[in-house]
N, C-alpha and C. Protein backbone atom coordinates (compact mmCIF):
# COMPACT_ATOMS: atom_id res chain seq x y z
N MET A 1 93.62 153.24 97.06
CA MET A 1 92.62 152.69 96.16
C MET A 1 91.99 153.83 95.37
N SER A 2 91.83 153.62 94.10
CA SER A 2 91.23 154.65 93.26
C SER A 2 89.71 154.64 93.44
N ALA A 3 89.09 155.75 93.09
CA ALA A 3 87.63 155.83 93.14
C ALA A 3 87.01 154.82 92.18
N PHE A 4 87.64 154.60 91.05
CA PHE A 4 87.12 153.64 90.08
C PHE A 4 87.13 152.23 90.66
N LYS A 5 88.21 151.86 91.33
CA LYS A 5 88.30 150.53 91.93
C LYS A 5 87.24 150.38 93.02
N ALA A 6 87.04 151.43 93.80
CA ALA A 6 86.01 151.39 94.83
C ALA A 6 84.62 151.23 94.20
N ALA A 7 84.37 151.92 93.09
CA ALA A 7 83.08 151.81 92.41
C ALA A 7 82.85 150.39 91.90
N LEU A 8 83.89 149.78 91.35
CA LEU A 8 83.76 148.39 90.92
C LEU A 8 83.37 147.49 92.09
N GLY A 9 84.02 147.73 93.22
CA GLY A 9 83.73 146.93 94.41
C GLY A 9 82.29 147.11 94.88
N LEU A 10 81.79 148.33 94.86
CA LEU A 10 80.40 148.58 95.26
C LEU A 10 79.42 147.87 94.33
N CYS A 11 79.80 147.73 93.09
CA CYS A 11 78.95 147.04 92.11
C CYS A 11 79.21 145.54 92.09
N GLY A 12 80.16 145.08 92.91
CA GLY A 12 80.44 143.66 93.03
C GLY A 12 81.19 143.07 91.85
N MET A 13 81.91 143.92 91.11
CA MET A 13 82.51 143.45 89.87
C MET A 13 84.04 143.36 89.95
N SER A 14 84.55 142.28 89.40
CA SER A 14 85.99 142.14 89.22
C SER A 14 86.38 142.87 87.93
N ILE A 15 87.66 142.96 87.69
CA ILE A 15 88.15 143.57 86.44
C ILE A 15 87.60 142.80 85.24
N ALA A 16 87.67 141.49 85.29
CA ALA A 16 87.20 140.68 84.15
C ALA A 16 85.71 140.87 83.92
N GLU A 17 84.93 140.88 84.99
CA GLU A 17 83.48 141.05 84.86
C GLU A 17 83.14 142.45 84.35
N ALA A 18 83.86 143.44 84.87
CA ALA A 18 83.63 144.81 84.43
C ALA A 18 84.03 145.00 82.98
N SER A 19 85.06 144.31 82.55
CA SER A 19 85.49 144.40 81.16
C SER A 19 84.36 143.98 80.23
N GLU A 20 83.72 142.88 80.56
CA GLU A 20 82.61 142.38 79.74
C GLU A 20 81.43 143.35 79.81
N PHE A 21 81.07 143.80 81.01
CA PHE A 21 79.92 144.67 81.19
C PHE A 21 80.12 146.04 80.54
N LEU A 22 81.31 146.61 80.72
CA LEU A 22 81.58 147.96 80.22
C LEU A 22 82.07 148.00 78.78
N GLY A 23 82.52 146.84 78.27
CA GLY A 23 83.06 146.82 76.92
C GLY A 23 84.41 147.50 76.81
N VAL A 24 85.19 147.40 77.88
CA VAL A 24 86.52 148.01 77.94
C VAL A 24 87.52 146.90 78.24
N SER A 25 88.70 146.99 77.65
CA SER A 25 89.69 145.93 77.84
C SER A 25 90.14 145.84 79.30
N GLU A 26 90.51 144.64 79.69
CA GLU A 26 91.02 144.44 81.05
C GLU A 26 92.26 145.29 81.34
N PRO A 27 93.23 145.36 80.41
CA PRO A 27 94.39 146.21 80.70
C PRO A 27 94.02 147.67 80.96
N MET A 28 93.05 148.19 80.21
CA MET A 28 92.64 149.57 80.43
C MET A 28 91.94 149.72 81.78
N LEU A 29 91.11 148.74 82.14
CA LEU A 29 90.46 148.81 83.44
C LEU A 29 91.47 148.73 84.58
N LYS A 30 92.53 147.99 84.37
CA LYS A 30 93.58 147.93 85.39
C LYS A 30 94.23 149.30 85.57
N HIS A 31 94.39 150.03 84.47
CA HIS A 31 94.92 151.41 84.57
C HIS A 31 93.95 152.29 85.35
N TYR A 32 92.66 152.18 85.04
CA TYR A 32 91.66 152.98 85.76
C TYR A 32 91.67 152.62 87.25
N SER A 33 91.76 151.32 87.54
CA SER A 33 91.74 150.87 88.93
C SER A 33 92.98 151.31 89.70
N ALA A 34 94.10 151.36 89.02
CA ALA A 34 95.34 151.79 89.66
C ALA A 34 95.42 153.31 89.78
N GLY A 35 94.55 154.00 89.06
CA GLY A 35 94.57 155.46 89.09
C GLY A 35 95.58 156.08 88.15
N THR A 36 96.17 155.27 87.26
CA THR A 36 97.16 155.81 86.33
C THR A 36 96.51 156.43 85.10
N ARG A 37 95.24 156.12 84.87
CA ARG A 37 94.45 156.73 83.79
C ARG A 37 93.06 157.02 84.33
N GLN A 38 92.47 158.05 83.79
CA GLN A 38 91.11 158.40 84.18
C GLN A 38 90.11 157.78 83.22
N PRO A 39 89.09 157.12 83.74
CA PRO A 39 88.09 156.54 82.85
C PRO A 39 87.26 157.65 82.19
N PRO A 40 86.80 157.39 80.98
CA PRO A 40 85.96 158.39 80.32
C PRO A 40 84.60 158.50 81.03
N HIS A 41 83.96 159.62 80.80
CA HIS A 41 82.67 159.89 81.43
C HIS A 41 81.67 158.77 81.17
N GLU A 42 81.65 158.23 79.96
CA GLU A 42 80.67 157.19 79.61
C GLU A 42 80.83 155.95 80.48
N VAL A 43 82.07 155.59 80.77
CA VAL A 43 82.33 154.41 81.61
C VAL A 43 81.86 154.67 83.04
N LEU A 44 82.17 155.85 83.55
CA LEU A 44 81.71 156.19 84.90
C LEU A 44 80.19 156.26 84.96
N ALA A 45 79.58 156.78 83.91
CA ALA A 45 78.11 156.86 83.87
C ALA A 45 77.48 155.47 83.87
N MET A 46 78.07 154.53 83.15
CA MET A 46 77.54 153.16 83.14
C MET A 46 77.61 152.55 84.54
N LEU A 47 78.72 152.77 85.24
CA LEU A 47 78.86 152.24 86.60
C LEU A 47 77.87 152.92 87.54
N ALA A 48 77.69 154.22 87.37
CA ALA A 48 76.76 154.96 88.22
C ALA A 48 75.33 154.45 88.01
N ARG A 49 74.95 154.21 86.76
CA ARG A 49 73.61 153.67 86.49
C ARG A 49 73.45 152.27 87.10
N LEU A 50 74.49 151.46 87.00
CA LEU A 50 74.44 150.12 87.59
C LEU A 50 74.28 150.22 89.10
N PHE A 51 75.05 151.08 89.73
CA PHE A 51 74.95 151.24 91.18
C PHE A 51 73.56 151.71 91.57
N ASP A 52 73.01 152.65 90.81
CA ASP A 52 71.66 153.14 91.08
C ASP A 52 70.65 152.00 90.98
N GLN A 53 70.82 151.15 89.98
CA GLN A 53 69.92 150.01 89.83
C GLN A 53 70.08 149.04 91.00
N ILE A 54 71.30 148.81 91.44
CA ILE A 54 71.55 147.93 92.59
C ILE A 54 70.82 148.46 93.82
N VAL A 55 70.95 149.75 94.08
CA VAL A 55 70.31 150.35 95.26
C VAL A 55 68.79 150.27 95.14
N GLU A 56 68.25 150.61 93.98
CA GLU A 56 66.80 150.57 93.79
C GLU A 56 66.25 149.16 93.95
N VAL A 57 66.91 148.19 93.37
CA VAL A 57 66.44 146.81 93.48
C VAL A 57 66.57 146.33 94.93
N SER A 58 67.63 146.74 95.62
CA SER A 58 67.78 146.39 97.04
C SER A 58 66.64 146.94 97.86
N GLU A 59 66.32 148.22 97.63
CA GLU A 59 65.23 148.85 98.38
C GLU A 59 63.89 148.17 98.08
N HIS A 60 63.65 147.87 96.83
CA HIS A 60 62.40 147.21 96.47
C HIS A 60 62.35 145.81 97.08
N SER A 61 63.46 145.13 97.12
CA SER A 61 63.51 143.79 97.70
C SER A 61 63.13 143.80 99.17
N LEU A 62 63.47 144.88 99.86
CA LEU A 62 63.12 144.99 101.28
C LEU A 62 61.61 145.01 101.48
N ASP A 63 60.89 145.54 100.49
CA ASP A 63 59.43 145.59 100.57
C ASP A 63 58.78 144.25 100.22
N VAL A 64 59.53 143.38 99.55
CA VAL A 64 58.96 142.16 99.00
C VAL A 64 59.35 140.90 99.78
N PHE A 65 60.59 140.83 100.22
CA PHE A 65 61.12 139.58 100.78
C PHE A 65 61.40 139.67 102.26
N GLU A 66 61.25 138.53 102.90
CA GLU A 66 61.78 138.34 104.24
C GLU A 66 63.21 137.87 104.08
N ARG A 67 63.96 137.86 105.18
CA ARG A 67 65.38 137.53 105.10
C ARG A 67 65.64 136.16 104.49
N ASP A 68 64.84 135.19 104.80
CA ASP A 68 65.10 133.83 104.30
C ASP A 68 64.49 133.56 102.93
N GLU A 69 63.85 134.55 102.34
CA GLU A 69 63.21 134.35 101.04
C GLU A 69 64.03 134.87 99.86
N ILE A 70 65.00 135.71 100.10
CA ILE A 70 65.71 136.36 98.99
C ILE A 70 66.65 135.38 98.30
N THR A 71 66.59 135.38 96.99
CA THR A 71 67.48 134.58 96.16
C THR A 71 67.91 135.42 94.97
N PRO A 72 69.04 135.10 94.37
CA PRO A 72 69.45 135.84 93.17
C PRO A 72 68.40 135.81 92.06
N ASP A 73 67.74 134.68 91.88
CA ASP A 73 66.70 134.60 90.83
C ASP A 73 65.54 135.55 91.13
N ALA A 74 65.13 135.60 92.38
CA ALA A 74 64.03 136.49 92.75
C ALA A 74 64.43 137.96 92.57
N VAL A 75 65.66 138.27 92.92
CA VAL A 75 66.17 139.63 92.74
C VAL A 75 66.20 139.98 91.25
N GLN A 76 66.62 139.03 90.44
CA GLN A 76 66.70 139.28 89.00
C GLN A 76 65.31 139.56 88.43
N THR A 77 64.31 138.88 88.94
CA THR A 77 62.93 139.12 88.50
C THR A 77 62.53 140.56 88.78
N ILE A 78 62.87 141.06 89.96
CA ILE A 78 62.57 142.45 90.30
C ILE A 78 63.34 143.40 89.39
N ALA A 79 64.61 143.11 89.17
CA ALA A 79 65.43 143.99 88.31
C ALA A 79 64.83 144.10 86.91
N ILE A 80 64.42 142.99 86.36
CA ILE A 80 63.84 142.99 85.02
C ILE A 80 62.51 143.74 85.02
N ARG A 81 61.69 143.48 86.01
CA ARG A 81 60.39 144.14 86.09
C ARG A 81 60.53 145.65 86.28
N GLU A 82 61.46 146.05 87.14
CA GLU A 82 61.61 147.47 87.46
C GLU A 82 62.42 148.25 86.43
N HIS A 83 63.40 147.60 85.80
CA HIS A 83 64.33 148.31 84.91
C HIS A 83 64.32 147.81 83.48
N GLY A 84 63.63 146.73 83.24
CA GLY A 84 63.55 146.23 81.87
C GLY A 84 64.75 145.44 81.41
N SER A 85 65.72 145.26 82.28
CA SER A 85 66.90 144.48 81.92
C SER A 85 67.46 143.81 83.17
N PRO A 86 68.12 142.67 82.98
CA PRO A 86 68.70 141.97 84.13
C PRO A 86 69.95 142.68 84.64
N LEU A 87 70.23 142.44 85.89
CA LEU A 87 71.50 142.89 86.47
C LEU A 87 72.60 141.92 86.07
N PRO A 88 73.82 142.39 85.88
CA PRO A 88 74.93 141.45 85.70
C PRO A 88 75.04 140.58 86.96
N ALA A 89 75.42 139.34 86.78
CA ALA A 89 75.47 138.39 87.90
C ALA A 89 76.21 138.93 89.13
N PRO A 90 77.38 139.57 88.98
CA PRO A 90 78.06 140.05 90.19
C PRO A 90 77.25 141.11 90.95
N ALA A 91 76.46 141.89 90.23
CA ALA A 91 75.66 142.93 90.89
C ALA A 91 74.56 142.31 91.74
N LEU A 92 74.11 141.12 91.37
CA LEU A 92 73.10 140.43 92.19
C LEU A 92 73.63 140.19 93.60
N ASN A 93 74.89 139.84 93.69
CA ASN A 93 75.50 139.62 95.01
C ASN A 93 75.50 140.91 95.82
N SER A 94 75.72 142.04 95.16
CA SER A 94 75.69 143.32 95.86
C SER A 94 74.29 143.62 96.38
N VAL A 95 73.28 143.34 95.57
CA VAL A 95 71.89 143.55 96.01
C VAL A 95 71.60 142.70 97.24
N VAL A 96 71.94 141.43 97.17
CA VAL A 96 71.67 140.52 98.29
C VAL A 96 72.45 140.97 99.53
N ALA A 97 73.68 141.40 99.37
CA ALA A 97 74.48 141.86 100.52
C ALA A 97 73.85 143.09 101.16
N ILE A 98 73.43 144.05 100.35
CA ILE A 98 72.77 145.25 100.89
C ILE A 98 71.49 144.86 101.61
N PHE A 99 70.73 143.98 101.00
CA PHE A 99 69.48 143.49 101.60
C PHE A 99 69.76 142.89 102.97
N ILE A 100 70.71 141.97 103.04
CA ILE A 100 71.01 141.27 104.30
C ILE A 100 71.49 142.26 105.36
N MET A 101 72.38 143.16 105.00
CA MET A 101 72.89 144.13 105.98
C MET A 101 71.77 145.05 106.47
N THR A 102 70.90 145.46 105.59
CA THR A 102 69.79 146.32 105.99
C THR A 102 68.84 145.57 106.91
N ARG A 103 68.52 144.34 106.58
CA ARG A 103 67.66 143.51 107.43
C ARG A 103 68.27 143.32 108.82
N MET A 104 69.59 143.12 108.87
CA MET A 104 70.26 142.93 110.17
C MET A 104 70.15 144.20 110.99
N LEU A 105 70.30 145.36 110.36
CA LEU A 105 70.16 146.63 111.09
C LEU A 105 68.74 146.82 111.58
N ASP A 106 67.78 146.42 110.75
CA ASP A 106 66.37 146.54 111.13
C ASP A 106 66.02 145.65 112.33
N ASP A 107 66.73 144.50 112.44
CA ASP A 107 66.46 143.56 113.53
C ASP A 107 67.05 144.03 114.86
N ASP A 108 67.98 144.96 114.81
CA ASP A 108 68.62 145.43 116.06
C ASP A 108 67.75 146.37 116.84
C-alpha cells in the first residue's frame, strides 16, 4: 500500500471522494494510490491539512460530547466554528471513529 493510499484511508476518503475534494482526476489518484506516480506537494499538503483538521475536531469533540451524543451534524458544527469551513462528509466518519475509539480506551 502506498503512503498516499494510507493517507486517503486516514481521512476516510475513497478515490472518487478525494478526486472531488482535491480537484484531481480519478485516474491520476489511482496512480498515486498504486505508487506508480508521486503526488505533487500541494496535493499532499491538502491531505495533511485535512488530517490535521480531523484530529483537532476529534480532540475538541472529546471535550464537548459524551459517547451517545456525537453525531455528524454536531461534529460539522465544531469543524465550522473551529476552522471556518465544513469537513468533507467522509472525513466526518473519521472524526466519529477517532472519537469512539478514544472514548472506548478512556472507559478501560
